[in-house]
Protein backbone atom coordinates (compact mmCIF):
# COMPACT_ATOMS: atom_id res chain seq x y z
CA MET A 1 -29.84 -31.83 4.64
CA ALA A 2 -28.21 -29.13 3.20
CA THR A 3 -25.87 -27.26 5.17
CA ARG A 4 -26.06 -23.60 4.87
CA ALA A 5 -22.70 -21.41 4.97
CA PRO A 6 -22.07 -19.49 8.77
CA HIS A 7 -23.05 -16.43 8.46
CA THR A 8 -20.45 -13.51 7.86
CA ARG A 9 -19.41 -11.33 10.38
CA THR A 10 -18.81 -7.79 9.72
CA ASP A 11 -18.20 -4.71 11.84
CA LEU A 12 -20.95 -2.93 10.26
CA PRO A 13 -24.20 -1.84 11.94
CA GLY A 14 -27.52 -3.70 12.27
CA THR A 15 -27.05 -5.71 8.91
CA LEU A 16 -25.48 -3.66 6.77
CA GLY A 17 -22.84 -5.84 5.94
CA ALA A 18 -25.50 -9.21 6.36
CA GLY A 19 -24.47 -11.99 3.22
CA TYR A 20 -21.37 -10.09 2.50
CA ALA A 21 -18.65 -13.30 1.25
CA GLU A 22 -16.95 -15.10 3.97
CA ASP A 23 -13.32 -15.50 4.73
CA ALA A 24 -11.74 -18.49 6.57
CA ASP A 25 -12.75 -16.86 9.95
CA GLY A 26 -16.07 -15.24 8.90
CA HIS A 27 -14.82 -11.95 9.81
CA ARG A 28 -14.78 -8.59 7.12
CA PRO A 29 -13.70 -5.92 8.99
CA LEU A 30 -15.53 -3.68 6.45
CA ALA A 31 -16.26 -0.71 8.63
CA GLY A 32 -12.54 -0.36 9.09
CA TYR A 33 -12.15 -0.50 5.39
CA ALA A 34 -14.61 2.91 5.26
CA ALA A 35 -12.81 4.40 7.91
CA LEU A 36 -9.41 3.69 5.75
CA SER A 37 -11.71 4.60 2.45
CA ALA A 38 -12.26 7.98 4.70
CA VAL A 39 -8.70 8.83 5.67
CA PHE A 40 -7.66 8.41 1.97
CA ALA A 41 -10.47 10.88 0.79
CA ALA A 42 -9.64 13.46 3.17
CA ALA A 43 -5.82 13.31 3.21
CA LEU A 44 -6.03 13.74 -0.96
CA GLY A 45 -8.48 15.98 -1.04
CA ALA A 46 -6.71 17.86 1.83
CA GLY A 47 -3.26 17.71 0.07
CA LEU A 48 -5.27 18.75 -3.21
CA ALA A 49 -6.87 21.95 -1.58
CA GLY A 50 -3.30 22.62 -0.61
CA THR A 51 -1.76 22.92 -3.97
CA LEU A 52 -4.47 24.97 -5.17
CA ARG A 53 -2.57 28.50 -5.82
CA ALA A 54 -1.17 29.80 -9.19
CA ASP A 55 2.26 28.51 -9.60
CA ALA A 56 1.14 24.69 -9.54
CA PRO A 57 1.47 22.80 -11.86
CA HIS A 58 -0.86 22.32 -14.97
CA ARG A 59 -0.25 19.19 -15.68
CA ILE A 60 2.08 16.36 -14.40
CA GLY A 61 4.49 15.21 -17.68
CA ALA A 62 4.96 11.91 -18.66
CA GLY A 63 8.51 11.45 -17.64
CA ASP A 64 7.10 12.26 -13.99
CA ILE A 65 4.07 9.85 -14.40
CA VAL A 66 6.88 7.28 -15.57
CA LEU A 67 9.03 8.22 -12.45
CA ALA A 68 6.69 7.92 -10.17
CA GLY A 69 5.10 4.57 -11.90
CA VAL A 70 8.52 3.18 -11.05
CA ALA A 71 9.10 5.03 -7.35
CA THR A 72 5.43 4.08 -6.26
CA HIS A 73 6.26 0.27 -6.40
CA LYS A 74 9.53 0.35 -4.73
CA VAL A 75 7.82 2.72 -1.82
CA SER A 76 4.67 0.30 -1.51
CA ARG A 77 7.17 -2.86 -1.22
CA LEU A 78 9.16 -0.93 0.68
CA ILE A 79 6.52 -0.39 3.58
CA ALA A 80 4.67 -3.72 2.77
CA LYS A 81 7.07 -6.00 2.75
CA ASP A 82 11.04 -5.21 3.91
CA LYS A 83 12.10 -7.03 6.50
CA VAL A 84 13.53 -3.85 8.47
CA THR A 85 10.27 -1.75 8.58
CA SER A 86 8.88 -4.51 9.85
CA PHE A 87 8.77 -2.67 12.88
CA VAL A 88 5.57 -0.57 11.35
CA ARG A 89 3.35 -3.44 10.82
CA ALA A 90 4.01 -4.90 13.95
CA PRO A 91 1.14 -3.86 15.96
CA PHE A 92 -1.12 -5.04 13.06
CA THR A 93 0.36 -7.94 11.69
CA ARG A 94 1.83 -11.51 12.31
CA TYR A 95 5.49 -12.70 10.78
CA GLN A 96 5.10 -15.83 8.76
CA GLU A 97 8.23 -16.43 7.37
CA SER A 98 11.30 -14.85 4.95
CA THR A 99 10.45 -14.67 1.46
CA GLY A 100 14.25 -13.36 0.45
CA HIS A 101 15.91 -10.53 -1.21
CA GLY A 102 15.09 -8.65 2.46
CA GLU A 103 11.44 -9.13 2.02
CA ILE A 104 9.18 -11.05 4.65
CA GLU A 105 5.19 -12.67 4.45
CA GLU A 106 2.98 -11.80 7.68
CA ALA A 107 -0.41 -12.10 8.14
CA ALA A 108 -3.50 -9.42 9.04
CA ARG A 109 -4.22 -9.77 12.71
CA GLY A 110 -6.89 -8.64 15.20
CA SER A 111 -10.45 -7.16 14.05
CA GLY A 112 -12.14 -4.19 12.52
CA LEU A 113 -9.98 -1.42 12.31
CA ARG A 114 -6.62 -3.04 13.36
CA LEU A 115 -7.41 -6.06 11.02
CA ALA A 116 -8.08 -3.34 8.11
CA VAL A 117 -5.02 -1.60 8.46
CA GLY A 118 -3.04 -4.94 8.66
CA GLU A 119 -4.75 -5.56 5.56
CA LEU A 120 -3.22 -2.57 3.96
CA LEU A 121 0.24 -2.47 5.45
CA ILE A 122 0.92 -6.29 4.08
CA CYS A 123 -0.58 -5.30 0.64
CA PRO A 124 1.66 -4.06 -2.09
CA TYR A 125 -1.24 -3.29 -4.60
CA CYS A 126 -3.28 -1.94 -2.16
CA LEU A 127 -0.48 0.54 -1.01
CA ALA A 128 0.12 1.64 -4.12
CA GLN A 129 -3.13 4.11 -4.40
CA TRP A 130 -1.85 6.12 -1.22
CA VAL A 131 1.50 6.39 -2.42
CA ALA A 132 0.75 7.51 -5.97
CA ALA A 133 -1.55 9.87 -4.24
CA GLY A 134 1.42 11.08 -2.27
CA PHE A 135 3.26 11.79 -5.45
CA THR A 136 0.61 13.22 -7.42
CA VAL A 137 0.16 15.96 -4.42
CA GLY A 138 4.23 16.34 -4.39
CA TYR A 139 4.36 17.03 -7.64
CA LEU A 140 1.52 19.79 -7.57
CA GLY A 141 2.75 21.15 -4.46
CA ALA A 142 6.80 20.72 -4.45
CA PRO A 143 7.48 19.13 -7.82
CA ARG A 144 11.41 19.37 -7.26
CA LEU A 145 11.40 18.11 -4.31
CA THR A 146 8.82 15.09 -5.22
CA ARG A 147 10.85 14.71 -8.45
CA ALA A 148 14.05 13.59 -6.20
CA LEU A 149 12.45 11.17 -3.90
CA ALA A 150 10.99 9.45 -6.81
CA GLY A 151 14.17 9.56 -8.60
CA MET A 152 16.06 8.14 -5.67
CA TRP A 153 13.01 5.57 -5.38
CA THR A 154 13.73 4.41 -9.59
CA ILE A 155 17.71 4.85 -8.46
CA HIS A 156 16.90 2.05 -5.65
CA THR A 157 14.34 -0.43 -7.99
CA ILE A 158 17.17 -0.32 -11.08
CA ALA A 159 19.66 -1.17 -8.54
CA ASP A 160 17.56 -4.16 -7.38
CA ALA A 161 16.85 -5.20 -10.62
CA LEU A 162 20.36 -5.68 -11.39
CA GLN A 163 21.47 -7.06 -8.36
CA LEU A 164 19.02 -9.30 -9.40
CA ALA A 165 20.47 -10.26 -12.30
CA TYR A 166 23.57 -10.53 -11.51
CA ALA A 167 23.07 -13.07 -8.64
CA ALA A 168 21.36 -15.02 -11.74
CA ALA A 169 24.25 -14.90 -13.73
CA GLU A 170 26.54 -16.19 -11.07
CA LYS A 171 23.99 -19.20 -10.92
CA ARG A 172 24.54 -19.73 -14.55
CA SER A 173 27.67 -19.32 -14.64
């Protein structure tokens, strides 16, 4: 007798999520993901609408794109992994372990929107889109301030790389 995979539980109404791939506990917060996607789209749309003025830059320069890219990487990791920012994630996550260099590993907890937010908050790749959108709106609406902040987080990233290189050199000597 063949065994059937358990039915996937989603938080979408009716059978909209029926047949969706399962995770270990059989629950995917699809309505939570939809809500987060709607919040992202609305916030980005509002932010971009706020930059539709005559003196807004017509483009973002290549140097600023690189600067914002490095800063987006750093800010996303600070939000998702830094032990000092764990208070932000705590309502949505469960501590797993320290992973070194000031970072920790957490697991999302709860169900529905709480689980979806937890999954977002522990994923630097997922957060990067939100952070990049913030930098984009910032460059269009307040380029000088945004450039300064992106520079600060890029400096932080370079300092982290130098700390790791120094520690590696110490171990080799």
